[in-house]
N, C-alpha and C. Protein backbone atom coordinates (compact mmCIF):
# COMPACT_ATOMS: atom_id res chain seq x y z
N UNK A 1 6.86 -40.32 23.20
CA UNK A 1 5.89 -39.28 22.93
C UNK A 1 6.57 -38.10 22.25
N UNK A 2 7.80 -37.77 22.66
CA UNK A 2 8.53 -36.68 22.03
C UNK A 2 8.83 -37.03 20.58
N UNK A 3 9.07 -38.34 20.31
CA UNK A 3 9.33 -38.76 18.94
C UNK A 3 8.10 -38.58 18.06
N UNK A 4 6.91 -38.87 18.60
CA UNK A 4 5.69 -38.74 17.82
C UNK A 4 5.44 -37.28 17.44
N UNK A 5 5.61 -36.35 18.37
CA UNK A 5 5.36 -34.96 18.04
C UNK A 5 6.44 -34.43 17.10
N UNK A 6 7.67 -34.91 17.22
CA UNK A 6 8.72 -34.50 16.29
C UNK A 6 8.41 -35.03 14.90
N UNK A 7 7.88 -36.27 14.83
CA UNK A 7 7.54 -36.86 13.55
C UNK A 7 6.39 -36.09 12.88
N UNK A 8 5.35 -35.76 13.64
CA UNK A 8 4.23 -35.02 13.04
C UNK A 8 4.66 -33.63 12.62
N UNK A 9 5.56 -33.00 13.37
CA UNK A 9 6.06 -31.69 12.96
C UNK A 9 6.88 -31.81 11.69
N UNK A 10 7.66 -32.87 11.57
CA UNK A 10 8.46 -33.09 10.37
C UNK A 10 7.56 -33.34 9.17
N UNK A 11 6.45 -34.06 9.38
CA UNK A 11 5.53 -34.34 8.27
C UNK A 11 4.93 -33.06 7.72
N UNK A 12 4.56 -32.13 8.59
CA UNK A 12 3.94 -30.89 8.10
C UNK A 12 4.96 -29.99 7.43
N UNK A 13 6.23 -30.08 7.83
CA UNK A 13 7.23 -29.24 7.18
C UNK A 13 7.73 -29.84 5.88
N UNK A 14 7.47 -31.11 5.63
CA UNK A 14 7.88 -31.74 4.38
C UNK A 14 6.91 -31.46 3.25
N UNK A 15 5.88 -30.69 3.51
CA UNK A 15 4.95 -30.36 2.44
C UNK A 15 3.63 -31.07 2.53
N UNK A 16 3.48 -31.95 3.51
CA UNK A 16 2.17 -32.58 3.67
C UNK A 16 1.23 -31.54 4.23
N UNK A 17 0.11 -31.32 3.59
CA UNK A 17 -0.81 -30.30 4.09
C UNK A 17 -1.45 -30.69 5.40
N UNK A 18 -1.68 -29.69 6.20
CA UNK A 18 -2.38 -29.94 7.45
C UNK A 18 -3.83 -30.23 7.13
N UNK A 19 -4.49 -31.11 7.89
CA UNK A 19 -5.88 -31.47 7.58
C UNK A 19 -6.80 -30.26 7.49
N UNK A 20 -6.62 -29.26 8.36
CA UNK A 20 -7.50 -28.09 8.36
C UNK A 20 -7.33 -27.28 7.07
N UNK A 21 -6.09 -27.11 6.60
CA UNK A 21 -5.86 -26.35 5.38
C UNK A 21 -6.43 -27.07 4.17
N UNK A 22 -6.30 -28.40 4.15
CA UNK A 22 -6.84 -29.17 3.04
C UNK A 22 -8.35 -29.01 2.98
N UNK A 23 -8.99 -29.06 4.12
CA UNK A 23 -10.45 -28.94 4.15
C UNK A 23 -10.89 -27.58 3.64
N UNK A 24 -10.17 -26.53 4.01
CA UNK A 24 -10.55 -25.20 3.56
C UNK A 24 -10.38 -25.05 2.06
N UNK A 25 -9.35 -25.65 1.51
CA UNK A 25 -9.07 -25.49 0.09
C UNK A 25 -10.05 -26.27 -0.78
N UNK A 26 -10.59 -27.36 -0.26
CA UNK A 26 -11.45 -28.19 -1.09
C UNK A 26 -12.93 -28.09 -0.73
N UNK A 27 -13.26 -27.35 0.33
CA UNK A 27 -14.66 -27.19 0.69
C UNK A 27 -15.38 -26.40 -0.39
N UNK A 28 -16.63 -26.68 -0.53
CA UNK A 28 -17.42 -25.92 -1.49
C UNK A 28 -17.99 -24.69 -0.81
N UNK A 29 -18.34 -23.70 -1.60
CA UNK A 29 -18.90 -22.46 -1.06
C UNK A 29 -20.23 -22.72 -0.40
N UNK A 30 -20.98 -23.63 -0.95
CA UNK A 30 -22.29 -23.98 -0.43
C UNK A 30 -22.34 -25.51 -0.43
N UNK A 31 -22.71 -26.14 0.66
CA UNK A 31 -22.71 -27.60 0.70
C UNK A 31 -23.53 -28.24 -0.43
N UNK A 32 -24.49 -27.52 -0.98
CA UNK A 32 -25.29 -28.10 -2.05
C UNK A 32 -24.63 -27.94 -3.42
N UNK A 33 -23.62 -27.05 -3.52
CA UNK A 33 -22.89 -26.89 -4.78
C UNK A 33 -21.91 -28.04 -4.95
N UNK A 34 -21.61 -28.36 -6.21
CA UNK A 34 -20.66 -29.43 -6.46
C UNK A 34 -19.31 -28.90 -6.90
N UNK A 35 -19.21 -27.60 -7.23
CA UNK A 35 -17.95 -27.03 -7.68
C UNK A 35 -17.05 -26.77 -6.48
N UNK A 36 -15.74 -26.98 -6.68
CA UNK A 36 -14.79 -26.75 -5.61
C UNK A 36 -14.32 -25.30 -5.65
N UNK A 37 -13.99 -24.78 -4.47
CA UNK A 37 -13.46 -23.43 -4.36
C UNK A 37 -11.95 -23.53 -4.48
N UNK A 38 -11.38 -22.73 -5.39
CA UNK A 38 -9.94 -22.74 -5.57
C UNK A 38 -9.29 -21.95 -4.44
N UNK A 39 -8.17 -22.43 -3.91
CA UNK A 39 -7.48 -21.63 -2.89
C UNK A 39 -6.90 -20.38 -3.54
N UNK A 40 -6.78 -19.32 -2.75
CA UNK A 40 -6.27 -18.05 -3.27
C UNK A 40 -4.78 -18.19 -3.61
N UNK A 41 -4.40 -17.62 -4.73
CA UNK A 41 -3.00 -17.63 -5.17
C UNK A 41 -2.21 -16.73 -4.23
N UNK A 42 -1.07 -17.21 -3.75
CA UNK A 42 -0.25 -16.45 -2.82
C UNK A 42 1.08 -16.11 -3.49
N UNK A 43 1.43 -14.85 -3.40
CA UNK A 43 2.71 -14.37 -3.91
C UNK A 43 3.47 -13.82 -2.72
N UNK A 44 4.69 -14.31 -2.53
CA UNK A 44 5.50 -13.87 -1.40
C UNK A 44 6.49 -12.81 -1.87
N UNK A 45 6.61 -11.76 -1.06
CA UNK A 45 7.58 -10.70 -1.36
C UNK A 45 8.73 -10.82 -0.37
N UNK A 46 9.93 -10.97 -0.92
CA UNK A 46 11.11 -11.14 -0.10
C UNK A 46 11.80 -9.80 0.12
N UNK A 47 12.67 -9.73 1.14
CA UNK A 47 13.36 -8.46 1.44
C UNK A 47 14.17 -7.90 0.25
N UNK A 48 14.60 -8.76 -0.65
CA UNK A 48 15.35 -8.29 -1.81
C UNK A 48 14.42 -7.78 -2.92
N UNK A 49 13.15 -7.55 -2.58
CA UNK A 49 12.11 -7.02 -3.47
C UNK A 49 11.64 -8.01 -4.52
N UNK A 50 12.08 -9.23 -4.46
CA UNK A 50 11.64 -10.22 -5.45
C UNK A 50 10.29 -10.79 -5.03
N UNK A 51 9.50 -11.12 -6.03
CA UNK A 51 8.16 -11.66 -5.82
C UNK A 51 8.15 -13.11 -6.25
N UNK A 52 7.68 -13.99 -5.37
CA UNK A 52 7.69 -15.42 -5.63
C UNK A 52 6.26 -15.94 -5.67
N UNK A 53 5.87 -16.48 -6.81
CA UNK A 53 4.53 -17.05 -6.99
C UNK A 53 4.55 -18.48 -6.48
N UNK A 54 3.83 -18.74 -5.39
CA UNK A 54 3.84 -20.08 -4.80
C UNK A 54 3.06 -21.09 -5.65
N UNK A 55 2.20 -20.62 -6.55
CA UNK A 55 1.44 -21.52 -7.41
C UNK A 55 2.32 -22.09 -8.51
N UNK A 56 3.13 -21.23 -9.13
CA UNK A 56 4.00 -21.69 -10.23
C UNK A 56 5.41 -22.01 -9.75
N UNK A 57 5.69 -21.76 -8.48
CA UNK A 57 7.02 -21.96 -7.90
C UNK A 57 8.10 -21.25 -8.71
N UNK A 58 7.84 -19.96 -8.99
CA UNK A 58 8.82 -19.18 -9.75
C UNK A 58 8.72 -17.72 -9.36
N UNK A 59 9.80 -17.01 -9.63
CA UNK A 59 9.80 -15.57 -9.38
C UNK A 59 9.05 -14.88 -10.51
N UNK A 60 8.31 -13.82 -10.15
CA UNK A 60 7.55 -13.09 -11.15
C UNK A 60 7.81 -11.59 -11.01
N UNK A 61 7.38 -10.84 -12.01
CA UNK A 61 7.58 -9.40 -12.03
C UNK A 61 6.26 -8.68 -11.78
N UNK A 62 6.35 -7.36 -11.61
CA UNK A 62 5.13 -6.57 -11.48
C UNK A 62 4.28 -6.66 -12.75
N UNK A 63 4.93 -6.76 -13.90
CA UNK A 63 4.20 -6.90 -15.16
C UNK A 63 3.38 -8.18 -15.17
N UNK A 64 3.91 -9.23 -14.60
CA UNK A 64 3.17 -10.50 -14.53
C UNK A 64 2.02 -10.42 -13.53
N UNK A 65 2.21 -9.67 -12.45
CA UNK A 65 1.11 -9.45 -11.50
C UNK A 65 0.02 -8.63 -12.18
N UNK A 66 0.42 -7.64 -12.99
CA UNK A 66 -0.56 -6.86 -13.75
C UNK A 66 -1.37 -7.79 -14.66
N UNK A 67 -0.73 -8.77 -15.28
CA UNK A 67 -1.45 -9.73 -16.12
C UNK A 67 -2.46 -10.53 -15.31
N UNK A 68 -2.09 -10.91 -14.09
CA UNK A 68 -3.03 -11.63 -13.22
C UNK A 68 -4.26 -10.77 -12.96
N UNK A 69 -4.04 -9.48 -12.72
CA UNK A 69 -5.15 -8.56 -12.48
C UNK A 69 -6.01 -8.48 -13.73
N UNK A 70 -5.37 -8.32 -14.89
CA UNK A 70 -6.10 -8.19 -16.15
C UNK A 70 -6.92 -9.44 -16.45
N UNK A 71 -6.43 -10.60 -16.04
CA UNK A 71 -7.14 -11.86 -16.26
C UNK A 71 -8.22 -12.11 -15.21
N UNK A 72 -8.29 -11.24 -14.20
CA UNK A 72 -9.31 -11.39 -13.17
C UNK A 72 -8.98 -12.44 -12.12
N UNK A 73 -7.73 -12.84 -12.02
CA UNK A 73 -7.35 -13.85 -11.04
C UNK A 73 -7.22 -13.20 -9.66
N UNK A 74 -7.64 -13.93 -8.65
CA UNK A 74 -7.50 -13.41 -7.28
C UNK A 74 -6.18 -13.88 -6.71
N UNK A 75 -5.54 -13.00 -5.98
CA UNK A 75 -4.25 -13.33 -5.38
C UNK A 75 -4.03 -12.44 -4.17
N UNK A 76 -3.05 -12.83 -3.38
CA UNK A 76 -2.64 -12.02 -2.23
C UNK A 76 -1.12 -11.98 -2.23
N UNK A 77 -0.58 -10.80 -1.96
CA UNK A 77 0.86 -10.65 -1.85
C UNK A 77 1.17 -10.55 -0.36
N UNK A 78 2.03 -11.42 0.10
CA UNK A 78 2.37 -11.48 1.53
C UNK A 78 3.87 -11.25 1.72
N UNK A 79 4.21 -10.58 2.80
CA UNK A 79 5.61 -10.42 3.16
C UNK A 79 6.12 -11.80 3.58
N UNK A 80 7.23 -12.23 3.00
CA UNK A 80 7.74 -13.58 3.26
C UNK A 80 8.14 -13.78 4.72
N UNK A 81 8.61 -12.72 5.38
CA UNK A 81 9.04 -12.86 6.77
C UNK A 81 7.89 -12.76 7.75
N UNK A 82 7.09 -11.69 7.61
CA UNK A 82 6.05 -11.41 8.62
C UNK A 82 4.68 -11.95 8.26
N UNK A 83 4.44 -12.19 6.97
CA UNK A 83 3.13 -12.63 6.54
C UNK A 83 2.14 -11.49 6.36
N UNK A 84 2.60 -10.24 6.53
CA UNK A 84 1.73 -9.08 6.35
C UNK A 84 1.19 -9.03 4.93
N UNK A 85 -0.03 -8.55 4.78
CA UNK A 85 -0.65 -8.41 3.46
C UNK A 85 -0.10 -7.17 2.77
N UNK A 86 0.53 -7.35 1.62
CA UNK A 86 1.13 -6.26 0.85
C UNK A 86 0.41 -6.05 -0.48
N UNK A 87 -0.75 -6.66 -0.64
CA UNK A 87 -1.45 -6.62 -1.92
C UNK A 87 -1.75 -5.19 -2.35
N UNK A 88 -2.29 -4.38 -1.46
CA UNK A 88 -2.63 -2.99 -1.81
C UNK A 88 -1.41 -2.21 -2.27
N UNK A 89 -0.29 -2.35 -1.55
CA UNK A 89 0.90 -1.58 -1.92
C UNK A 89 1.45 -2.03 -3.27
N UNK A 90 1.34 -3.31 -3.59
CA UNK A 90 1.80 -3.80 -4.90
C UNK A 90 0.88 -3.27 -6.00
N UNK A 91 -0.44 -3.27 -5.77
CA UNK A 91 -1.37 -2.73 -6.75
C UNK A 91 -1.15 -1.23 -6.95
N UNK A 92 -0.90 -0.51 -5.88
CA UNK A 92 -0.60 0.92 -6.00
C UNK A 92 0.70 1.15 -6.77
N UNK A 93 1.67 0.27 -6.57
CA UNK A 93 2.94 0.36 -7.29
C UNK A 93 2.72 0.16 -8.80
N UNK A 94 1.85 -0.78 -9.15
CA UNK A 94 1.52 -1.01 -10.57
C UNK A 94 0.83 0.23 -11.15
N UNK A 95 -0.10 0.81 -10.40
CA UNK A 95 -0.79 2.02 -10.86
C UNK A 95 0.23 3.15 -11.05
N UNK A 96 1.15 3.30 -10.12
CA UNK A 96 2.17 4.34 -10.23
C UNK A 96 3.01 4.16 -11.49
N UNK A 97 3.40 2.93 -11.77
CA UNK A 97 4.18 2.66 -12.99
C UNK A 97 3.38 2.96 -14.24
N UNK A 98 2.10 2.59 -14.23
CA UNK A 98 1.24 2.85 -15.39
C UNK A 98 1.05 4.35 -15.60
N UNK A 99 0.86 5.08 -14.50
CA UNK A 99 0.66 6.53 -14.59
C UNK A 99 1.93 7.23 -15.07
N UNK A 100 3.09 6.69 -14.75
CA UNK A 100 4.36 7.31 -15.13
C UNK A 100 4.77 6.99 -16.56
N UNK A 101 4.20 5.93 -17.13
CA UNK A 101 4.68 5.43 -18.42
C UNK A 101 3.73 5.74 -19.56
N UNK A 102 3.59 6.95 -19.96
CA UNK A 102 2.75 7.19 -21.13
C UNK A 102 1.57 8.07 -20.84
N UNK A 103 0.40 7.63 -21.26
CA UNK A 103 -0.82 8.42 -21.11
C UNK A 103 -1.45 8.13 -19.75
N UNK A 104 -1.32 9.07 -18.80
CA UNK A 104 -1.89 8.83 -17.48
C UNK A 104 -3.42 8.87 -17.50
N UNK A 105 -4.01 8.13 -16.61
CA UNK A 105 -5.47 8.07 -16.49
C UNK A 105 -5.99 9.21 -15.61
N UNK A 106 -5.21 9.59 -14.60
CA UNK A 106 -5.64 10.60 -13.65
C UNK A 106 -4.93 11.92 -13.92
N UNK A 107 -5.71 12.99 -13.93
CA UNK A 107 -5.12 14.32 -14.06
C UNK A 107 -4.57 14.74 -12.70
N UNK A 108 -3.78 15.80 -12.69
CA UNK A 108 -3.26 16.31 -11.42
C UNK A 108 -4.40 16.77 -10.51
N UNK A 109 -5.43 17.35 -11.11
CA UNK A 109 -6.58 17.83 -10.32
C UNK A 109 -7.29 16.66 -9.64
N UNK A 110 -7.46 15.55 -10.36
CA UNK A 110 -8.12 14.38 -9.77
C UNK A 110 -7.27 13.83 -8.62
N UNK A 111 -5.97 13.71 -8.85
CA UNK A 111 -5.09 13.19 -7.80
C UNK A 111 -5.10 14.11 -6.57
N UNK A 112 -5.09 15.43 -6.81
CA UNK A 112 -5.13 16.38 -5.70
C UNK A 112 -6.44 16.23 -4.92
N UNK A 113 -7.55 16.06 -5.62
CA UNK A 113 -8.83 15.89 -4.93
C UNK A 113 -8.89 14.59 -4.15
N UNK A 114 -8.32 13.54 -4.69
CA UNK A 114 -8.27 12.28 -3.96
C UNK A 114 -7.48 12.46 -2.67
N UNK A 115 -6.34 13.15 -2.76
CA UNK A 115 -5.52 13.40 -1.57
C UNK A 115 -6.29 14.21 -0.55
N UNK A 116 -7.08 15.16 -0.99
CA UNK A 116 -7.87 15.99 -0.07
C UNK A 116 -8.87 15.19 0.74
N UNK A 117 -9.29 14.05 0.22
CA UNK A 117 -10.26 13.23 0.94
C UNK A 117 -9.65 12.49 2.13
N UNK A 118 -8.32 12.32 2.13
CA UNK A 118 -7.70 11.66 3.28
C UNK A 118 -7.83 12.55 4.49
N UNK A 119 -8.40 12.00 5.55
CA UNK A 119 -8.63 12.76 6.77
C UNK A 119 -9.92 13.55 6.77
N UNK A 120 -10.61 13.59 5.65
CA UNK A 120 -11.90 14.29 5.53
C UNK A 120 -12.99 13.39 6.08
N UNK A 121 -14.06 13.99 6.52
CA UNK A 121 -15.18 13.20 7.07
C UNK A 121 -15.75 12.23 6.05
N UNK A 122 -15.63 12.56 4.76
CA UNK A 122 -16.19 11.72 3.70
C UNK A 122 -15.20 10.69 3.15
N UNK A 123 -14.05 10.53 3.80
CA UNK A 123 -13.03 9.61 3.30
C UNK A 123 -13.58 8.20 3.09
N UNK A 124 -14.37 7.72 4.01
CA UNK A 124 -14.92 6.37 3.91
C UNK A 124 -15.85 6.19 2.73
N UNK A 125 -16.50 7.27 2.31
CA UNK A 125 -17.43 7.19 1.20
C UNK A 125 -16.75 7.29 -0.16
N UNK A 126 -15.59 7.91 -0.20
CA UNK A 126 -14.91 8.14 -1.48
C UNK A 126 -14.55 6.81 -2.14
N UNK A 127 -14.01 5.89 -1.39
CA UNK A 127 -13.62 4.60 -1.95
C UNK A 127 -14.81 3.84 -2.51
N UNK A 128 -15.90 3.81 -1.77
CA UNK A 128 -17.08 3.09 -2.25
C UNK A 128 -17.71 3.81 -3.44
N UNK A 129 -17.63 5.15 -3.45
CA UNK A 129 -18.15 5.93 -4.58
C UNK A 129 -17.37 5.60 -5.85
N UNK A 130 -16.04 5.63 -5.76
CA UNK A 130 -15.21 5.31 -6.93
C UNK A 130 -15.43 3.86 -7.38
N UNK A 131 -15.49 2.96 -6.42
CA UNK A 131 -15.68 1.55 -6.75
C UNK A 131 -17.01 1.31 -7.47
N UNK A 132 -18.08 1.92 -6.98
CA UNK A 132 -19.38 1.70 -7.62
C UNK A 132 -19.41 2.31 -9.02
N UNK A 133 -18.78 3.47 -9.22
CA UNK A 133 -18.72 4.06 -10.55
C UNK A 133 -17.89 3.21 -11.51
N UNK A 134 -16.79 2.67 -11.03
CA UNK A 134 -15.97 1.80 -11.89
C UNK A 134 -16.72 0.51 -12.24
N UNK A 135 -17.45 -0.04 -11.27
CA UNK A 135 -18.23 -1.23 -11.56
C UNK A 135 -19.31 -0.95 -12.58
N UNK A 136 -19.96 0.20 -12.47
CA UNK A 136 -20.98 0.59 -13.45
C UNK A 136 -20.37 0.74 -14.83
N UNK A 137 -19.22 1.38 -14.89
CA UNK A 137 -18.54 1.56 -16.17
C UNK A 137 -18.17 0.21 -16.79
N UNK A 138 -17.64 -0.69 -15.98
CA UNK A 138 -17.26 -2.01 -16.49
C UNK A 138 -18.49 -2.81 -16.94
N UNK A 139 -19.58 -2.68 -16.21
CA UNK A 139 -20.80 -3.38 -16.58
C UNK A 139 -21.33 -2.85 -17.91
N UNK A 140 -21.35 -1.52 -18.07
CA UNK A 140 -21.80 -0.94 -19.33
C UNK A 140 -20.88 -1.35 -20.48
N UNK A 141 -19.59 -1.38 -20.19
CA UNK A 141 -18.61 -1.75 -21.22
C UNK A 141 -18.83 -3.19 -21.68
N UNK A 142 -19.06 -4.10 -20.75
CA UNK A 142 -19.27 -5.49 -21.13
C UNK A 142 -20.62 -5.68 -21.82
N UNK A 143 -21.63 -4.91 -21.40
CA UNK A 143 -22.95 -4.99 -22.03
C UNK A 143 -22.89 -4.54 -23.48
N UNK A 144 -22.18 -3.47 -23.71
CA UNK A 144 -22.09 -2.93 -25.06
C UNK A 144 -21.11 -3.70 -25.94
N UNK A 145 -20.18 -4.38 -25.30
CA UNK A 145 -19.20 -5.13 -26.08
C UNK A 145 -18.32 -4.24 -26.93
N UNK A 146 -17.97 -3.09 -26.41
CA UNK A 146 -17.09 -2.15 -27.12
C UNK A 146 -17.71 -1.70 -28.44
N UNK A 147 -19.02 -1.45 -28.46
CA UNK A 147 -19.71 -1.12 -29.70
C UNK A 147 -19.32 0.22 -30.28
N UNK A 148 -19.22 1.23 -29.45
CA UNK A 148 -19.02 2.55 -30.02
C UNK A 148 -18.23 3.44 -29.09
N UNK A 149 -17.29 4.20 -29.69
CA UNK A 149 -16.54 5.15 -28.87
C UNK A 149 -17.43 6.32 -28.49
N UNK A 150 -18.45 6.60 -29.28
CA UNK A 150 -19.38 7.68 -28.98
C UNK A 150 -20.11 7.40 -27.66
N UNK A 151 -20.56 6.18 -27.48
CA UNK A 151 -21.26 5.81 -26.25
C UNK A 151 -20.30 5.91 -25.06
N UNK A 152 -19.06 5.49 -25.26
CA UNK A 152 -18.09 5.56 -24.17
C UNK A 152 -17.82 7.01 -23.78
N UNK A 153 -17.73 7.90 -24.76
CA UNK A 153 -17.49 9.30 -24.44
C UNK A 153 -18.69 9.90 -23.71
N UNK A 154 -19.90 9.46 -24.06
CA UNK A 154 -21.09 9.92 -23.35
C UNK A 154 -21.07 9.45 -21.90
N UNK A 155 -20.68 8.20 -21.69
CA UNK A 155 -20.59 7.68 -20.32
C UNK A 155 -19.53 8.44 -19.53
N UNK A 156 -18.40 8.74 -20.19
CA UNK A 156 -17.34 9.47 -19.51
C UNK A 156 -17.82 10.86 -19.10
N UNK A 157 -18.54 11.53 -19.99
CA UNK A 157 -19.08 12.84 -19.68
C UNK A 157 -20.05 12.77 -18.51
N UNK A 158 -20.90 11.73 -18.50
CA UNK A 158 -21.86 11.55 -17.42
C UNK A 158 -21.15 11.33 -16.09
N UNK A 159 -20.11 10.52 -16.10
CA UNK A 159 -19.36 10.27 -14.86
C UNK A 159 -18.65 11.53 -14.39
N UNK A 160 -18.15 12.34 -15.33
CA UNK A 160 -17.50 13.59 -14.95
C UNK A 160 -18.51 14.54 -14.30
N UNK A 161 -19.73 14.58 -14.85
CA UNK A 161 -20.78 15.41 -14.25
C UNK A 161 -21.11 14.94 -12.84
N UNK A 162 -21.25 13.61 -12.68
CA UNK A 162 -21.56 13.06 -11.36
C UNK A 162 -20.45 13.37 -10.36
N UNK A 163 -19.21 13.26 -10.81
CA UNK A 163 -18.08 13.53 -9.94
C UNK A 163 -18.05 15.00 -9.55
N UNK A 164 -18.30 15.89 -10.52
CA UNK A 164 -18.34 17.33 -10.22
C UNK A 164 -19.43 17.64 -9.21
N UNK A 165 -20.60 17.02 -9.36
CA UNK A 165 -21.69 17.22 -8.41
C UNK A 165 -21.31 16.72 -7.02
N UNK A 166 -20.63 15.58 -6.98
CA UNK A 166 -20.19 14.99 -5.71
C UNK A 166 -19.21 15.93 -5.00
N UNK A 167 -18.22 16.44 -5.75
CA UNK A 167 -17.24 17.34 -5.17
C UNK A 167 -17.88 18.65 -4.71
N UNK A 168 -18.77 19.20 -5.52
CA UNK A 168 -19.41 20.46 -5.15
C UNK A 168 -20.31 20.29 -3.93
N UNK A 169 -20.92 19.13 -3.78
CA UNK A 169 -21.74 18.87 -2.60
C UNK A 169 -20.90 18.87 -1.33
N UNK A 170 -19.64 18.52 -1.48
CA UNK A 170 -18.74 18.49 -0.33
C UNK A 170 -17.95 19.78 -0.18
N UNK A 171 -18.17 20.73 -1.11
CA UNK A 171 -17.47 22.00 -1.03
C UNK A 171 -16.07 21.96 -1.55
N UNK A 172 -15.76 20.96 -2.40
CA UNK A 172 -14.44 20.85 -3.00
C UNK A 172 -14.50 21.24 -4.46
N UNK A 173 -13.36 21.66 -5.00
CA UNK A 173 -13.30 22.02 -6.42
C UNK A 173 -13.00 20.77 -7.24
N UNK A 174 -13.76 20.54 -8.33
CA UNK A 174 -13.48 19.37 -9.17
C UNK A 174 -12.23 19.56 -10.01
């Protein structure tokens, strides 16, 4: 009996997928759908700060993770030792590098106002507010197909007005 459990443990460590994991990776989102759900891409972060893409079995850089984001691929970054989710911190690191390298997207005033929301009663709403505005902007951008910079500047002005109204409603300076 000890041999059987040692053998099954050896089988799972040799790369044979466990039945439960296989079922999750190949199950469809809806039993009536015929398309398969792709398993989420996992990137492991090692203590030496290297990032290992388990899908391609190779080390990758932050620039390559940025490309995954730009392509709309879903992924999760996990600590190789603990399994903790590090995706947010890696995305923030990419934003920090982008903000430091050239034309920043956020002004100092915007960053200061974002910081002011931490610990504020409206902290929970700020994230959803920014997310919904970004989704609206992306939807308008795809609808227009990059037709005109004039339209984009009008949208930017409108979003700035909405943001100023939001901040003033909370008693903060935009």
